[in-house]
Amino acid sequence: MEIKYTPAFLSKMEDIFAESDHFLRYEKGNFKSGYCILKEKKVIIVNKYFSLEGKVNCLLEILKQIVVDTQKLSEKTAQLYESLVVKETITQE
């Protein structure tokens, strides 16, 4: 899937986290990778000073690292998740 660096696309990616068990927060911090994942608490913190492109890239990288229960996602959100993560993983192998 082609990644779009628009506020609407970022919002759609944020919906994946909102509909899953994970909590997404934008905070200031000096994370080496630009984000921090607290796996036990299912909290994801992204540097709020990142550009739009940086936030989209961080969220995409995070989605590849965490497990999302697709049963909890709406149909549109599940399709987006699968096109971003599942097909991307198959392509890389």
Protein backbone atom coordinates (compact mmCIF):
# COMPACT_ATOMS: atom_id res chain seq x y z
CA MET A 1 0.00 0.00 0.00
CA GLU A 2 1.19 3.49 -0.76
CA ILE A 3 1.77 5.50 2.38
CA LYS A 4 0.27 8.98 2.35
CA TYR A 5 1.71 11.68 4.54
CA THR A 6 -1.49 13.58 5.23
CA PRO A 7 -3.31 14.44 8.46
CA ALA A 8 -6.24 12.27 7.33
CA PHE A 9 -3.99 9.23 6.86
CA LEU A 10 -2.37 9.84 10.26
CA SER A 11 -5.85 9.95 11.79
CA LYS A 12 -6.73 6.62 10.17
CA MET A 13 -3.56 5.08 11.58
CA GLU A 14 -4.40 6.48 15.02
CA ASP A 15 -7.81 4.78 14.75
CA ILE A 16 -6.05 1.40 14.67
CA PHE A 17 -4.60 2.12 18.11
CA ALA A 18 -7.85 3.63 19.40
CA GLU A 19 -9.83 0.53 18.45
CA SER A 20 -7.23 -1.88 19.85
CA ASP A 21 -6.10 -2.35 23.44
CA HIS A 22 -3.18 0.05 23.00
CA PHE A 23 -3.14 3.67 24.14
CA LEU A 24 -1.37 6.13 21.87
CA ARG A 25 -0.03 9.34 23.36
CA TYR A 26 2.02 12.19 21.96
CA GLU A 27 4.46 13.50 24.55
CA LYS A 28 7.74 15.33 24.57
CA GLY A 29 10.77 13.22 25.27
CA ASN A 30 14.19 12.31 24.06
CA PHE A 31 13.52 8.81 22.84
CA LYS A 32 16.35 7.58 20.63
CA SER A 33 13.93 6.03 18.16
CA GLY A 34 11.31 8.77 18.49
CA TYR A 35 8.90 6.56 20.39
CA CYS A 36 8.60 4.33 23.42
CA ILE A 37 6.47 1.20 23.84
CA LEU A 38 5.43 0.14 27.33
CA LYS A 39 4.33 -3.38 26.41
CA GLU A 40 2.95 -4.48 29.77
CA LYS A 41 0.67 -1.44 30.00
CA LYS A 42 0.02 -1.30 26.24
CA VAL A 43 0.97 2.37 26.11
CA ILE A 44 2.75 3.85 23.12
CA ILE A 45 4.36 7.26 23.40
CA VAL A 46 5.45 9.14 20.27
CA ASN A 47 7.49 12.34 20.27
CA LYS A 48 4.95 15.12 19.79
CA TYR A 49 7.49 17.35 18.07
CA PHE A 50 7.89 14.97 15.12
CA SER A 51 6.75 16.16 11.73
CA LEU A 52 3.70 14.59 10.13
CA GLU A 53 5.94 12.30 8.09
CA GLY A 54 7.87 11.30 11.20
CA LYS A 55 4.69 10.44 13.11
CA VAL A 56 3.34 8.31 10.24
CA ASN A 57 6.65 6.45 9.93
CA CYS A 58 6.81 5.87 13.70
CA LEU A 59 3.28 4.51 13.83
CA LEU A 60 3.99 2.19 10.90
CA GLU A 61 7.12 0.87 12.59
CA ILE A 62 5.23 0.41 15.87
CA LEU A 63 2.40 -1.49 14.15
CA LYS A 64 4.97 -3.99 12.89
CA GLN A 65 6.24 -4.59 16.44
CA ILE A 66 3.01 -4.99 18.40
CA VAL A 67 0.21 -7.53 18.24
CA VAL A 68 -3.18 -6.07 17.35
CA ASP A 69 -6.36 -8.11 17.80
CA THR A 70 -8.05 -7.56 14.43
CA GLN A 71 -11.33 -8.89 15.85
CA LYS A 72 -11.70 -5.63 17.80
CA LEU A 73 -11.16 -3.44 14.74
CA SER A 74 -13.91 -2.16 12.49
CA GLU A 75 -13.92 -3.51 8.94
CA LYS A 76 -12.29 -0.42 7.40
CA THR A 77 -9.68 -0.17 10.11
CA ALA A 78 -8.88 -3.89 9.87
CA GLN A 79 -8.39 -3.54 6.11
CA LEU A 80 -6.01 -0.63 6.63
CA TYR A 81 -4.09 -2.56 9.29
CA GLU A 82 -3.74 -5.59 7.06
CA SER A 83 -2.64 -3.52 4.08
CA LEU A 84 -0.01 -1.75 6.19
CA VAL A 85 1.34 -4.64 8.23
CA VAL A 86 0.43 -8.04 6.84
CA LYS A 87 1.12 -7.36 3.16
CA GLU A 88 4.26 -5.38 4.02
CA THR A 89 5.61 -8.35 6.01
CA ILE A 90 4.92 -10.79 3.17
CA THR A 91 6.68 -8.48 0.70
CA GLN A 92 9.81 -8.27 2.87
CA GLU A 93 10.17 -12.06 3.25
